Amino acid sequence: MAEIRLEHDIWLLVADGEKALFLRNEGDAEYPNLEVVHEIHDDNPPTREQGTDAPGRYADPQGAHKSSFEETDWHRLEKDRFAGQLSDWLYRLAHRGRFKKIVLIAPPQVLGALRRELHKEVSVRVAAEIPKTLTNHTVVSIEQVLTNG
């Protein structure tokens, strides 16, 4: 990963499918000082705790065999829904002029879902995208990962 230039007042969204941190650099590019602006948690239990029915079944056209449908991955669907919510948050913040540039940091699947949902007003402000899971890191650790590559 190339070093990211964390200039003063740049925002970062560090997210996964269940948690998001909105950070702002109060320092400069040489000495970043990330501060938490807002934190969001989404209750997203595993699919086995969300689904109550067995997968559906269907008979083939000849009627001799029965097959089952793949079970709905409720956990994955909730992660995609959460990415949509984050996109809405980013749009409201951008529309109010809260940030000029933002770095998006999330696992590849979440980053892809988020990218699909971004409003143009936000996407033109994205300075970088980093496909990485950093939500369980401390803010200081996030600074170190981003400045040390």
N, C-alpha and C. Protein backbone atom coordinates (compact mmCIF):
# COMPACT_ATOMS: atom_id res chain seq x y z
N MET A 1 0.85 -1.18 0.00
CA MET A 1 0.00 0.00 0.00
C MET A 1 0.89 1.24 0.00
N ALA A 2 0.62 2.13 -0.91
CA ALA A 2 1.37 3.38 -0.99
C ALA A 2 0.98 4.28 0.18
N GLU A 3 1.92 5.13 0.57
CA GLU A 3 1.64 6.06 1.66
C GLU A 3 0.58 7.06 1.23
N ILE A 4 -0.37 7.31 2.11
CA ILE A 4 -1.45 8.24 1.86
C ILE A 4 -1.07 9.58 2.47
N ARG A 5 -1.30 10.64 1.73
CA ARG A 5 -1.01 11.99 2.25
C ARG A 5 -2.22 12.47 3.05
N LEU A 6 -2.06 12.46 4.36
CA LEU A 6 -3.15 12.87 5.25
C LEU A 6 -3.02 14.36 5.57
N GLU A 7 -3.38 15.18 4.61
CA GLU A 7 -3.27 16.62 4.81
C GLU A 7 -4.24 17.10 5.90
N HIS A 8 -3.98 18.29 6.39
CA HIS A 8 -4.82 18.87 7.44
C HIS A 8 -6.28 18.92 6.99
N ASP A 9 -7.18 18.54 7.88
CA ASP A 9 -8.63 18.62 7.70
C ASP A 9 -9.21 17.57 6.74
N ILE A 10 -8.38 16.64 6.24
CA ILE A 10 -8.94 15.56 5.42
C ILE A 10 -9.72 14.61 6.32
N TRP A 11 -10.80 14.07 5.81
CA TRP A 11 -11.62 13.12 6.55
C TRP A 11 -11.29 11.71 6.12
N LEU A 12 -11.55 10.77 7.01
CA LEU A 12 -11.40 9.36 6.70
C LEU A 12 -12.66 8.63 7.17
N LEU A 13 -13.12 7.72 6.36
CA LEU A 13 -14.18 6.80 6.78
C LEU A 13 -13.53 5.43 6.89
N VAL A 14 -13.47 4.90 8.11
CA VAL A 14 -12.93 3.57 8.35
C VAL A 14 -14.13 2.71 8.70
N ALA A 15 -14.45 1.75 7.81
CA ALA A 15 -15.69 1.00 7.98
C ALA A 15 -15.52 -0.47 7.66
N ASP A 16 -16.44 -1.25 8.19
CA ASP A 16 -16.65 -2.61 7.74
C ASP A 16 -18.16 -2.74 7.61
N GLY A 17 -18.70 -3.91 7.62
CA GLY A 17 -20.13 -4.06 7.42
C GLY A 17 -20.97 -3.80 8.65
N GLU A 18 -20.31 -3.49 9.79
CA GLU A 18 -21.05 -3.34 11.05
C GLU A 18 -20.63 -2.12 11.86
N LYS A 19 -19.51 -1.52 11.52
CA LYS A 19 -18.98 -0.41 12.31
C LYS A 19 -18.37 0.61 11.37
N ALA A 20 -18.48 1.87 11.73
CA ALA A 20 -17.86 2.93 10.94
C ALA A 20 -17.32 4.02 11.86
N LEU A 21 -16.13 4.49 11.53
CA LEU A 21 -15.53 5.62 12.22
C LEU A 21 -15.33 6.74 11.22
N PHE A 22 -15.84 7.91 11.53
CA PHE A 22 -15.56 9.11 10.75
C PHE A 22 -14.46 9.84 11.48
N LEU A 23 -13.31 10.01 10.83
CA LEU A 23 -12.16 10.65 11.45
C LEU A 23 -11.78 11.90 10.66
N ARG A 24 -11.16 12.86 11.35
CA ARG A 24 -10.66 14.07 10.69
C ARG A 24 -9.24 14.30 11.17
N ASN A 25 -8.36 14.67 10.24
CA ASN A 25 -6.96 14.94 10.61
C ASN A 25 -6.85 16.36 11.13
N GLU A 26 -6.61 16.47 12.43
CA GLU A 26 -6.41 17.77 13.07
C GLU A 26 -4.95 18.21 12.97
N GLY A 27 -4.08 17.28 12.57
CA GLY A 27 -2.67 17.60 12.41
C GLY A 27 -2.38 18.00 10.97
N ASP A 28 -1.20 17.61 10.50
CA ASP A 28 -0.84 17.88 9.11
C ASP A 28 -0.34 16.59 8.47
N ALA A 29 0.15 16.69 7.23
CA ALA A 29 0.58 15.49 6.51
C ALA A 29 1.79 14.83 7.18
N GLU A 30 2.66 15.63 7.76
CA GLU A 30 3.85 15.09 8.40
C GLU A 30 3.55 14.49 9.77
N TYR A 31 2.68 15.15 10.51
CA TYR A 31 2.32 14.69 11.85
C TYR A 31 0.80 14.61 11.96
N PRO A 32 0.20 13.55 11.42
CA PRO A 32 -1.26 13.44 11.48
C PRO A 32 -1.73 13.25 12.92
N ASN A 33 -2.90 13.78 13.18
CA ASN A 33 -3.54 13.65 14.48
C ASN A 33 -5.02 13.40 14.21
N LEU A 34 -5.37 12.12 14.02
CA LEU A 34 -6.74 11.77 13.69
C LEU A 34 -7.64 11.87 14.91
N GLU A 35 -8.75 12.53 14.74
CA GLU A 35 -9.74 12.68 15.80
C GLU A 35 -11.05 12.06 15.34
N VAL A 36 -11.71 11.35 16.23
CA VAL A 36 -13.00 10.73 15.91
C VAL A 36 -14.07 11.82 15.87
N VAL A 37 -14.75 11.92 14.73
CA VAL A 37 -15.85 12.87 14.56
C VAL A 37 -17.16 12.19 14.93
N HIS A 38 -17.31 10.94 14.49
CA HIS A 38 -18.54 10.20 14.76
C HIS A 38 -18.26 8.71 14.63
N GLU A 39 -19.00 7.91 15.38
CA GLU A 39 -18.87 6.47 15.33
C GLU A 39 -20.25 5.85 15.22
N ILE A 40 -20.38 4.84 14.36
CA ILE A 40 -21.67 4.17 14.14
C ILE A 40 -21.46 2.67 14.31
N HIS A 41 -22.37 2.02 15.02
CA HIS A 41 -22.38 0.57 15.14
C HIS A 41 -23.71 0.06 14.62
N ASP A 42 -23.66 -1.03 13.87
CA ASP A 42 -24.86 -1.66 13.34
C ASP A 42 -24.94 -3.06 13.92
N ASP A 43 -26.08 -3.41 14.50
CA ASP A 43 -26.27 -4.74 15.04
C ASP A 43 -26.54 -5.69 13.88
N ASN A 44 -25.57 -6.56 13.59
CA ASN A 44 -25.68 -7.46 12.45
C ASN A 44 -25.24 -8.87 12.86
N PRO A 45 -26.15 -9.63 13.49
CA PRO A 45 -25.78 -10.98 13.90
C PRO A 45 -25.56 -11.89 12.70
N PRO A 46 -24.89 -13.03 12.90
CA PRO A 46 -24.68 -13.96 11.80
C PRO A 46 -26.00 -14.42 11.20
N THR A 47 -25.96 -14.86 9.95
CA THR A 47 -27.16 -15.32 9.25
C THR A 47 -27.90 -16.39 10.03
N ARG A 48 -27.17 -17.31 10.67
CA ARG A 48 -27.83 -18.41 11.40
C ARG A 48 -28.73 -17.88 12.52
N GLU A 49 -28.44 -16.66 13.02
CA GLU A 49 -29.27 -16.07 14.06
C GLU A 49 -30.37 -15.19 13.48
N GLN A 50 -30.31 -14.89 12.18
CA GLN A 50 -31.31 -14.03 11.56
C GLN A 50 -32.36 -14.83 10.79
N GLY A 51 -31.95 -15.89 10.12
CA GLY A 51 -32.89 -16.69 9.32
C GLY A 51 -33.62 -17.67 10.20
N THR A 52 -34.90 -17.86 9.92
CA THR A 52 -35.68 -18.79 10.73
C THR A 52 -36.18 -19.99 9.95
N ASP A 53 -36.21 -19.91 8.65
CA ASP A 53 -36.73 -20.99 7.83
C ASP A 53 -35.59 -21.73 7.15
N ALA A 54 -35.88 -22.98 6.79
CA ALA A 54 -34.95 -23.74 5.97
C ALA A 54 -35.02 -23.21 4.55
N PRO A 55 -33.96 -23.39 3.77
CA PRO A 55 -34.01 -22.93 2.38
C PRO A 55 -35.17 -23.59 1.64
N GLY A 56 -35.74 -22.87 0.70
CA GLY A 56 -36.85 -23.41 -0.09
C GLY A 56 -36.38 -24.54 -1.00
N ARG A 57 -37.35 -25.34 -1.49
CA ARG A 57 -37.04 -26.46 -2.37
C ARG A 57 -37.91 -26.35 -3.61
N TYR A 58 -37.41 -26.91 -4.70
CA TYR A 58 -38.19 -26.94 -5.92
C TYR A 58 -37.93 -28.26 -6.64
N ALA A 59 -38.92 -28.70 -7.42
CA ALA A 59 -38.79 -29.94 -8.18
C ALA A 59 -38.33 -29.60 -9.59
N ASP A 60 -37.50 -30.48 -10.17
CA ASP A 60 -37.08 -30.25 -11.55
C ASP A 60 -38.28 -30.50 -12.48
N PRO A 61 -38.20 -30.09 -13.73
CA PRO A 61 -39.35 -30.21 -14.64
C PRO A 61 -39.89 -31.64 -14.77
N GLN A 62 -39.04 -32.66 -14.65
CA GLN A 62 -39.50 -34.03 -14.75
C GLN A 62 -40.11 -34.52 -13.44
N GLY A 63 -39.90 -33.79 -12.36
CA GLY A 63 -40.48 -34.13 -11.07
C GLY A 63 -39.77 -35.25 -10.34
N ALA A 64 -38.67 -35.74 -10.87
CA ALA A 64 -37.98 -36.87 -10.24
C ALA A 64 -37.06 -36.42 -9.10
N HIS A 65 -36.57 -35.22 -9.18
CA HIS A 65 -35.61 -34.75 -8.19
C HIS A 65 -36.09 -33.45 -7.56
N LYS A 66 -35.67 -33.26 -6.34
CA LYS A 66 -35.92 -31.99 -5.67
C LYS A 66 -34.59 -31.34 -5.34
N SER A 67 -34.52 -30.05 -5.50
CA SER A 67 -33.32 -29.29 -5.19
C SER A 67 -33.69 -28.18 -4.23
N SER A 68 -32.70 -27.66 -3.55
CA SER A 68 -33.00 -26.56 -2.63
C SER A 68 -32.39 -25.26 -3.16
N PHE A 69 -33.03 -24.17 -2.81
CA PHE A 69 -32.50 -22.86 -3.11
C PHE A 69 -31.40 -22.57 -2.10
N GLU A 70 -30.45 -21.75 -2.49
CA GLU A 70 -29.42 -21.33 -1.56
C GLU A 70 -30.05 -20.45 -0.49
N GLU A 71 -29.64 -20.65 0.75
CA GLU A 71 -30.19 -19.87 1.85
C GLU A 71 -29.79 -18.40 1.70
N THR A 72 -30.69 -17.52 2.02
CA THR A 72 -30.41 -16.08 1.95
C THR A 72 -29.34 -15.72 2.98
N ASP A 73 -28.35 -14.98 2.54
CA ASP A 73 -27.28 -14.55 3.45
C ASP A 73 -27.70 -13.20 4.04
N TRP A 74 -28.47 -13.25 5.13
CA TRP A 74 -29.00 -12.04 5.76
C TRP A 74 -27.86 -11.15 6.26
N HIS A 75 -26.79 -11.76 6.72
CA HIS A 75 -25.64 -10.99 7.23
C HIS A 75 -25.03 -10.15 6.11
N ARG A 76 -24.83 -10.75 4.93
CA ARG A 76 -24.28 -10.04 3.77
C ARG A 76 -25.23 -8.93 3.32
N LEU A 77 -26.52 -9.21 3.30
CA LEU A 77 -27.50 -8.20 2.91
C LEU A 77 -27.47 -7.01 3.86
N GLU A 78 -27.30 -7.28 5.14
CA GLU A 78 -27.25 -6.20 6.13
C GLU A 78 -25.98 -5.36 5.94
N LYS A 79 -24.87 -6.00 5.57
CA LYS A 79 -23.64 -5.25 5.31
C LYS A 79 -23.84 -4.31 4.12
N ASP A 80 -24.52 -4.79 3.09
CA ASP A 80 -24.80 -3.94 1.92
C ASP A 80 -25.73 -2.79 2.30
N ARG A 81 -26.73 -3.08 3.14
CA ARG A 81 -27.66 -2.04 3.59
C ARG A 81 -26.90 -0.99 4.41
N PHE A 82 -25.97 -1.45 5.25
CA PHE A 82 -25.17 -0.55 6.06
C PHE A 82 -24.31 0.35 5.17
N ALA A 83 -23.75 -0.21 4.09
CA ALA A 83 -22.98 0.60 3.15
C ALA A 83 -23.86 1.69 2.55
N GLY A 84 -25.12 1.37 2.26
CA GLY A 84 -26.06 2.38 1.76
C GLY A 84 -26.30 3.48 2.78
N GLN A 85 -26.43 3.10 4.04
CA GLN A 85 -26.60 4.10 5.11
C GLN A 85 -25.38 5.00 5.20
N LEU A 86 -24.20 4.42 5.11
CA LEU A 86 -22.97 5.22 5.17
C LEU A 86 -22.91 6.19 4.00
N SER A 87 -23.32 5.73 2.85
CA SER A 87 -23.36 6.60 1.67
C SER A 87 -24.28 7.79 1.91
N ASP A 88 -25.44 7.55 2.54
CA ASP A 88 -26.37 8.63 2.87
C ASP A 88 -25.74 9.62 3.85
N TRP A 89 -25.03 9.08 4.86
CA TRP A 89 -24.35 9.95 5.83
C TRP A 89 -23.33 10.84 5.12
N LEU A 90 -22.53 10.20 4.25
CA LEU A 90 -21.50 10.95 3.53
C LEU A 90 -22.12 12.03 2.66
N TYR A 91 -23.22 11.74 2.02
CA TYR A 91 -23.89 12.74 1.18
C TYR A 91 -24.33 13.94 2.02
N ARG A 92 -24.96 13.66 3.15
CA ARG A 92 -25.42 14.77 4.02
C ARG A 92 -24.25 15.61 4.51
N LEU A 93 -23.16 14.95 4.90
CA LEU A 93 -21.98 15.68 5.38
C LEU A 93 -21.35 16.50 4.26
N ALA A 94 -21.24 15.93 3.07
CA ALA A 94 -20.65 16.65 1.93
C ALA A 94 -21.54 17.82 1.52
N HIS A 95 -22.84 17.57 1.52
CA HIS A 95 -23.80 18.62 1.13
C HIS A 95 -23.73 19.82 2.07
N ARG A 96 -23.42 19.55 3.34
CA ARG A 96 -23.30 20.63 4.34
C ARG A 96 -21.90 21.24 4.34
N GLY A 97 -21.01 20.74 3.48
CA GLY A 97 -19.65 21.29 3.41
C GLY A 97 -18.75 20.89 4.56
N ARG A 98 -19.04 19.77 5.21
CA ARG A 98 -18.25 19.35 6.36
C ARG A 98 -16.86 18.86 5.98
N PHE A 99 -16.71 18.31 4.76
CA PHE A 99 -15.38 17.87 4.33
C PHE A 99 -15.18 18.19 2.85
N LYS A 100 -13.90 18.46 2.52
CA LYS A 100 -13.54 18.72 1.13
C LYS A 100 -12.96 17.48 0.47
N LYS A 101 -12.23 16.67 1.27
CA LYS A 101 -11.63 15.44 0.79
C LYS A 101 -11.85 14.35 1.82
N ILE A 102 -11.99 13.11 1.33
CA ILE A 102 -12.17 11.98 2.23
C ILE A 102 -11.45 10.77 1.68
N VAL A 103 -10.93 9.94 2.59
CA VAL A 103 -10.30 8.67 2.25
C VAL A 103 -11.24 7.58 2.76
N LEU A 104 -11.59 6.65 1.88
CA LEU A 104 -12.47 5.53 2.24
C LEU A 104 -11.62 4.30 2.52
N ILE A 105 -11.80 3.72 3.70
CA ILE A 105 -11.04 2.54 4.10
C ILE A 105 -12.02 1.48 4.56
N ALA A 106 -12.05 0.36 3.83
CA ALA A 106 -12.99 -0.71 4.15
C ALA A 106 -12.54 -1.99 3.47
N PRO A 107 -13.04 -3.15 3.94
CA PRO A 107 -12.74 -4.39 3.22
C PRO A 107 -13.25 -4.29 1.78
N PRO A 108 -12.64 -5.02 0.85
CA PRO A 108 -13.01 -4.88 -0.56
C PRO A 108 -14.50 -4.98 -0.86
N GLN A 109 -15.21 -5.94 -0.28
CA GLN A 109 -16.64 -6.08 -0.56
C GLN A 109 -17.44 -4.87 -0.07
N VAL A 110 -17.12 -4.40 1.11
CA VAL A 110 -17.82 -3.24 1.66
C VAL A 110 -17.48 -1.99 0.86
N LEU A 111 -16.21 -1.86 0.48
CA LEU A 111 -15.79 -0.72 -0.33
C LEU A 111 -16.52 -0.71 -1.66
N GLY A 112 -16.68 -1.87 -2.27
CA GLY A 112 -17.40 -1.97 -3.54
C GLY A 112 -18.87 -1.59 -3.38
N ALA A 113 -19.50 -2.09 -2.31
CA ALA A 113 -20.90 -1.75 -2.06
C ALA A 113 -21.05 -0.26 -1.78
N LEU A 114 -20.13 0.31 -1.04
CA LEU A 114 -20.16 1.73 -0.74
C LEU A 114 -19.96 2.56 -2.00
N ARG A 115 -19.01 2.17 -2.82
CA ARG A 115 -18.73 2.89 -4.06
C ARG A 115 -19.96 2.92 -4.97
N ARG A 116 -20.69 1.81 -5.05
CA ARG A 116 -21.90 1.76 -5.88
C ARG A 116 -22.97 2.73 -5.40
N GLU A 117 -22.99 3.01 -4.10
CA GLU A 117 -24.04 3.84 -3.51
C GLU A 117 -23.69 5.33 -3.44
N LEU A 118 -22.42 5.68 -3.64
CA LEU A 118 -21.99 7.06 -3.44
C LEU A 118 -22.65 8.03 -4.42
N HIS A 119 -23.09 9.14 -3.87
CA HIS A 119 -23.62 10.23 -4.68
C HIS A 119 -22.44 10.96 -5.32
N LYS A 120 -22.66 11.55 -6.48
CA LYS A 120 -21.58 12.24 -7.19
C LYS A 120 -20.93 13.32 -6.33
N GLU A 121 -21.73 13.99 -5.50
CA GLU A 121 -21.20 15.05 -4.64
C GLU A 121 -20.15 14.51 -3.66
N VAL A 122 -20.25 13.23 -3.34
CA VAL A 122 -19.26 12.59 -2.46
C VAL A 122 -18.12 12.01 -3.28
N SER A 123 -18.44 11.32 -4.36
CA SER A 123 -17.39 10.62 -5.12
C SER A 123 -16.32 11.57 -5.68
N VAL A 124 -16.69 12.81 -5.99
CA VAL A 124 -15.68 13.77 -6.47
C VAL A 124 -14.74 14.21 -5.34
N ARG A 125 -15.10 13.94 -4.10
CA ARG A 125 -14.26 14.33 -2.96
C ARG A 125 -13.40 13.19 -2.43
N VAL A 126 -13.55 11.99 -3.01
CA VAL A 126 -12.78 10.84 -2.54
C VAL A 126 -11.33 10.98 -3.01
N ALA A 127 -10.42 11.14 -2.05
CA ALA A 127 -9.00 11.31 -2.36
C ALA A 127 -8.31 9.97 -2.55
N ALA A 128 -8.80 8.93 -1.87
CA ALA A 128 -8.19 7.60 -1.99
C ALA A 128 -9.16 6.56 -1.44
N GLU A 129 -8.99 5.34 -1.92
CA GLU A 129 -9.73 4.19 -1.40
C GLU A 129 -8.71 3.14 -0.98
N ILE A 130 -8.88 2.61 0.20
CA ILE A 130 -7.95 1.60 0.71
C ILE A 130 -8.75 0.35 1.07
N PRO A 131 -8.53 -0.75 0.35
CA PRO A 131 -9.26 -1.99 0.64
C PRO A 131 -8.63 -2.75 1.80
N LYS A 132 -8.96 -2.34 3.01
CA LYS A 132 -8.33 -2.90 4.20
C LYS A 132 -9.31 -2.82 5.37
N THR A 133 -9.24 -3.75 6.28
CA THR A 133 -10.07 -3.73 7.48
C THR A 133 -9.28 -3.12 8.63
N LEU A 134 -9.68 -1.93 9.06
CA LEU A 134 -8.98 -1.25 10.15
C LEU A 134 -9.92 -0.87 11.30
N THR A 135 -11.15 -1.34 11.27
CA THR A 135 -12.13 -0.93 12.28
C THR A 135 -11.78 -1.40 13.69
N ASN A 136 -11.00 -2.45 13.82
CA ASN A 136 -10.64 -2.92 15.16
C ASN A 136 -9.31 -2.37 15.64
N HIS A 137 -8.72 -1.45 14.88
CA HIS A 137 -7.48 -0.80 15.28
C HIS A 137 -7.79 0.45 16.10
N THR A 138 -6.83 0.84 16.92
CA THR A 138 -6.96 2.12 17.63
C THR A 138 -6.71 3.24 16.63
N VAL A 139 -7.09 4.44 16.98
CA VAL A 139 -6.86 5.59 16.10
C VAL A 139 -5.37 5.78 15.86
N VAL A 140 -4.55 5.63 16.88
CA VAL A 140 -3.10 5.77 16.74
C VAL A 140 -2.56 4.70 15.79
N SER A 141 -3.07 3.49 15.90
CA SER A 141 -2.66 2.41 15.02
C SER A 141 -3.06 2.68 13.57
N ILE A 142 -4.23 3.25 13.37
CA ILE A 142 -4.68 3.62 12.03
C ILE A 142 -3.73 4.66 11.43
N GLU A 143 -3.35 5.66 12.24
CA GLU A 143 -2.38 6.67 11.78
C GLU A 143 -1.09 6.00 11.33
N GLN A 144 -0.59 5.06 12.14
CA GLN A 144 0.66 4.40 11.83
C GLN A 144 0.56 3.57 10.55
N VAL A 145 -0.53 2.82 10.39
CA VAL A 145 -0.71 2.00 9.19
C VAL A 145 -0.74 2.88 7.94
N LEU A 146 -1.43 4.00 8.03
CA LEU A 146 -1.58 4.87 6.86
C LEU A 146 -0.32 5.67 6.52
N THR A 147 0.46 6.02 7.51
CA THR A 147 1.66 6.82 7.23
C THR A 147 2.89 5.97 6.97
N ASN A 148 2.89 4.73 7.43
CA ASN A 148 4.05 3.86 7.23
C ASN A 148 3.87 2.89 6.07
N GLY A 149 2.67 2.92 5.43
CA GLY A 149 2.44 2.06 4.27
C GLY A 149 2.23 0.68 4.61
